[in-house]
Amino acid sequence: MLIKYTLPEENNQIFASKYKLYLPNEKELKEYIETIKKEIES
């Protein structure tokens, strides 16, 4: 699995609503995405 994070070239500020000190593993990422999808659909 390959994940890339990108920002626009001239982006001088980064805003985040959540901070993590590590990247989630594949299982955690899938669970998080499913949780968000359910929230959006309801």
PDB file of N, CA and C in Angstrom:
ATOM      1  N   MET A   1       0.849  -1.178   0.000  1.00  0.00           N
ATOM      2  CA  MET A   1       0.000   0.000   0.000  1.00  0.00           C
ATOM      3  C   MET A   1       0.892   1.238   0.000  1.00  0.00           C
ATOM      4  N   LEU A   2       0.579   2.169  -0.861  1.00  0.00           N
ATOM      5  CA  LEU A   2       1.350   3.407  -0.960  1.00  0.00           C
ATOM      6  C   LEU A   2       0.421   4.572  -0.689  1.00  0.00           C
ATOM      7  N   ILE A   3       0.818   5.419   0.252  1.00  0.00           N
ATOM      8  CA  ILE A   3       0.020   6.599   0.582  1.00  0.00           C
ATOM      9  C   ILE A   3       0.920   7.818   0.418  1.00  0.00           C
ATOM     10  N   LYS A   4       0.432   8.813  -0.284  1.00  0.00           N
ATOM     11  CA  LYS A   4       1.188  10.047  -0.457  1.00  0.00           C
ATOM     12  C   LYS A   4       0.379  11.203   0.113  1.00  0.00           C
ATOM     13  N   TYR A   5       1.064  12.080   0.810  1.00  0.00           N
ATOM     14  CA  TYR A   5       0.461  13.300   1.319  1.00  0.00           C
ATOM     15  C   TYR A   5       1.072  14.455   0.539  1.00  0.00           C
ATOM     16  N   THR A   6       0.248  15.299  -0.019  1.00  0.00           N
ATOM     17  CA  THR A   6       0.785  16.416  -0.784  1.00  0.00           C
ATOM     18  C   THR A   6       0.112  17.721  -0.369  1.00  0.00           C
ATOM     19  N   LEU A   7       0.822  18.810  -0.604  1.00  0.00           N
ATOM     20  CA  LEU A   7       0.313  20.151  -0.364  1.00  0.00           C
ATOM     21  C   LEU A   7       0.568  20.972  -1.615  1.00  0.00           C
ATOM     22  N   PRO A   8      -0.246  22.004  -1.835  1.00  0.00           N
ATOM     23  CA  PRO A   8       0.020  22.883  -2.978  1.00  0.00           C
ATOM     24  C   PRO A   8       1.405  23.521  -2.868  1.00  0.00           C
ATOM     25  N   GLU A   9       1.992  23.853  -4.001  1.00  0.00           N
ATOM     26  CA  GLU A   9       3.350  24.413  -4.053  1.00  0.00           C
ATOM     27  C   GLU A   9       3.551  25.624  -3.150  1.00  0.00           C
ATOM     28  N   GLU A  10       2.662  26.598  -3.232  1.00  0.00           N
ATOM     29  CA  GLU A  10       2.847  27.860  -2.508  1.00  0.00           C
ATOM     30  C   GLU A  10       2.110  27.900  -1.169  1.00  0.00           C
ATOM     31  N   ASN A  11       1.827  26.748  -0.591  1.00  0.00           N
ATOM     32  CA  ASN A  11       1.095  26.703   0.676  1.00  0.00           C
ATOM     33  C   ASN A  11       2.052  27.001   1.831  1.00  0.00           C
ATOM     34  N   ASN A  12       1.888  28.160   2.466  1.00  0.00           N
ATOM     35  CA  ASN A  12       2.760  28.547   3.570  1.00  0.00           C
ATOM     36  C   ASN A  12       2.175  28.213   4.936  1.00  0.00           C
ATOM     37  N   GLN A  13       0.918  27.828   4.977  1.00  0.00           N
ATOM     38  CA  GLN A  13       0.275  27.497   6.242  1.00  0.00           C
ATOM     39  C   GLN A  13      -0.385  26.127   6.121  1.00  0.00           C
ATOM     40  N   ILE A  14      -0.295  25.363   7.177  1.00  0.00           N
ATOM     41  CA  ILE A  14      -0.932  24.047   7.210  1.00  0.00           C
ATOM     42  C   ILE A  14      -1.898  24.048   8.393  1.00  0.00           C
ATOM     43  N   PHE A  15      -3.140  23.669   8.148  1.00  0.00           N
ATOM     44  CA  PHE A  15      -4.145  23.598   9.190  1.00  0.00           C
ATOM     45  C   PHE A  15      -4.597  22.147   9.329  1.00  0.00           C
ATOM     46  N   ALA A  16      -4.739  21.683  10.546  1.00  0.00           N
ATOM     47  CA  ALA A  16      -5.189  20.315  10.774  1.00  0.00           C
ATOM     48  C   ALA A  16      -6.140  20.301  11.953  1.00  0.00           C
ATOM     49  N   SER A  17      -7.191  19.500  11.839  1.00  0.00           N
ATOM     50  CA  SER A  17      -8.129  19.388  12.948  1.00  0.00           C
ATOM     51  C   SER A  17      -7.695  18.303  13.920  1.00  0.00           C
ATOM     52  N   LYS A  18      -6.848  17.388  13.457  1.00  0.00           N
ATOM     53  CA  LYS A  18      -6.331  16.316  14.313  1.00  0.00           C
ATOM     54  C   LYS A  18      -4.857  16.116  14.022  1.00  0.00           C
ATOM     55  N   TYR A  19      -4.113  15.847  15.063  1.00  0.00           N
ATOM     56  CA  TYR A  19      -2.692  15.583  14.909  1.00  0.00           C
ATOM     57  C   TYR A  19      -2.395  14.171  15.412  1.00  0.00           C
ATOM     58  N   LYS A  20      -1.565  13.443  14.706  1.00  0.00           N
ATOM     59  CA  LYS A  20      -1.114  12.133  15.157  1.00  0.00           C
ATOM     60  C   LYS A  20       0.395  12.100  15.051  1.00  0.00           C
ATOM     61  N   LEU A  21       1.002  11.402  15.981  1.00  0.00           N
ATOM     62  CA  LEU A  21       2.453  11.304  15.979  1.00  0.00           C
ATOM     63  C   LEU A  21       2.948  10.148  15.125  1.00  0.00           C
ATOM     64  N   TYR A  22       2.023   9.352  14.597  1.00  0.00           N
ATOM     65  CA  TYR A  22       2.409   8.229  13.749  1.00  0.00           C
ATOM     66  C   TYR A  22       1.344   8.021  12.685  1.00  0.00           C
ATOM     67  N   LEU A  23       1.701   7.346  11.604  1.00  0.00           N
ATOM     68  CA  LEU A  23       0.726   7.003  10.570  1.00  0.00           C
ATOM     69  C   LEU A  23      -0.005   5.734  10.988  1.00  0.00           C
ATOM     70  N   PRO A  24      -1.309   5.667  10.745  1.00  0.00           N
ATOM     71  CA  PRO A  24      -2.047   4.455  11.111  1.00  0.00           C
ATOM     72  C   PRO A  24      -1.656   3.295  10.199  1.00  0.00           C
ATOM     73  N   ASN A  25      -1.823   2.068  10.722  1.00  0.00           N
ATOM     74  CA  ASN A  25      -1.579   0.924   9.859  1.00  0.00           C
ATOM     75  C   ASN A  25      -2.788   0.739   8.937  1.00  0.00           C
ATOM     76  N   GLU A  26      -2.717  -0.194   8.029  1.00  0.00           N
ATOM     77  CA  GLU A  26      -3.761  -0.356   7.016  1.00  0.00           C
ATOM     78  C   GLU A  26      -5.125  -0.635   7.644  1.00  0.00           C
ATOM     79  N   LYS A  27      -5.177  -1.493   8.658  1.00  0.00           N
ATOM     80  CA  LYS A  27      -6.448  -1.833   9.320  1.00  0.00           C
ATOM     81  C   LYS A  27      -7.057  -0.590   9.985  1.00  0.00           C
ATOM     82  N   GLU A  28      -6.248   0.161  10.715  1.00  0.00           N
ATOM     83  CA  GLU A  28      -6.736   1.366  11.393  1.00  0.00           C
ATOM     84  C   GLU A  28      -7.258   2.385  10.388  1.00  0.00           C
ATOM     85  N   LEU A  29      -6.544   2.541   9.275  1.00  0.00           N
ATOM     86  CA  LEU A  29      -6.949   3.498   8.254  1.00  0.00           C
ATOM     87  C   LEU A  29      -8.284   3.097   7.628  1.00  0.00           C
ATOM     88  N   LYS A  30      -8.451   1.818   7.319  1.00  0.00           N
ATOM     89  CA  LYS A  30      -9.710   1.337   6.754  1.00  0.00           C
ATOM     90  C   LYS A  30     -10.867   1.550   7.724  1.00  0.00           C
ATOM     91  N   GLU A  31     -10.651   1.256   9.008  1.00  0.00           N
ATOM     92  CA  GLU A  31     -11.697   1.452  10.022  1.00  0.00           C
ATOM     93  C   GLU A  31     -12.073   2.927  10.138  1.00  0.00           C
ATOM     94  N   TYR A  32     -11.083   3.793  10.115  1.00  0.00           N
ATOM     95  CA  TYR A  32     -11.343   5.235  10.209  1.00  0.00           C
ATOM     96  C   TYR A  32     -12.150   5.715   9.007  1.00  0.00           C
ATOM     97  N   ILE A  33     -11.767   5.281   7.821  1.00  0.00           N
ATOM     98  CA  ILE A  33     -12.479   5.680   6.606  1.00  0.00           C
ATOM     99  C   ILE A  33     -13.922   5.188   6.646  1.00  0.00           C
ATOM    100  N   GLU A  34     -14.143   3.948   7.085  1.00  0.00           N
ATOM    101  CA  GLU A  34     -15.502   3.413   7.182  1.00  0.00           C
ATOM    102  C   GLU A  34     -16.337   4.209   8.184  1.00  0.00           C
ATOM    103  N   THR A  35     -15.729   4.594   9.298  1.00  0.00           N
ATOM    104  CA  THR A  35     -16.431   5.391  10.312  1.00  0.00           C
ATOM    105  C   THR A  35     -16.864   6.735   9.734  1.00  0.00           C
ATOM    106  N   ILE A  36     -15.968   7.398   9.036  1.00  0.00           N
ATOM    107  CA  ILE A  36     -16.280   8.692   8.430  1.00  0.00           C
ATOM    108  C   ILE A  36     -17.366   8.542   7.364  1.00  0.00           C
ATOM    109  N   LYS A  37     -17.274   7.498   6.549  1.00  0.00           N
ATOM    110  CA  LYS A  37     -18.285   7.263   5.515  1.00  0.00           C
ATOM    111  C   LYS A  37     -19.676   7.100   6.149  1.00  0.00           C
ATOM    112  N   LYS A  38     -19.756   6.345   7.244  1.00  0.00           N
ATOM    113  CA  LYS A  38     -21.041   6.137   7.928  1.00  0.00           C
ATOM    114  C   LYS A  38     -21.596   7.461   8.470  1.00  0.00           C
ATOM    115  N   GLU A  39     -20.715   8.281   9.031  1.00  0.00           N
ATOM    116  CA  GLU A  39     -21.133   9.582   9.550  1.00  0.00           C
ATOM    117  C   GLU A  39     -21.677  10.461   8.438  1.00  0.00           C
ATOM    118  N   ILE A  40     -21.026  10.462   7.299  1.00  0.00           N
ATOM    119  CA  ILE A  40     -21.455  11.286   6.168  1.00  0.00           C
ATOM    120  C   ILE A  40     -22.790  10.805   5.621  1.00  0.00           C
ATOM    121  N   GLU A  41     -22.966   9.488   5.535  1.00  0.00           N
ATOM    122  CA  GLU A  41     -24.175   8.928   4.958  1.00  0.00           C
ATOM    123  C   GLU A  41     -25.397   9.058   5.866  1.00  0.00           C
ATOM    124  N   SER A  42     -25.191   9.232   7.148  1.00  0.00           N
ATOM    125  CA  SER A  42     -26.350   9.315   8.063  1.00  0.00           C
ATOM    126  C   SER A  42     -26.820  10.729   8.281  1.00  0.00           C
TER     127      SER A  42
END
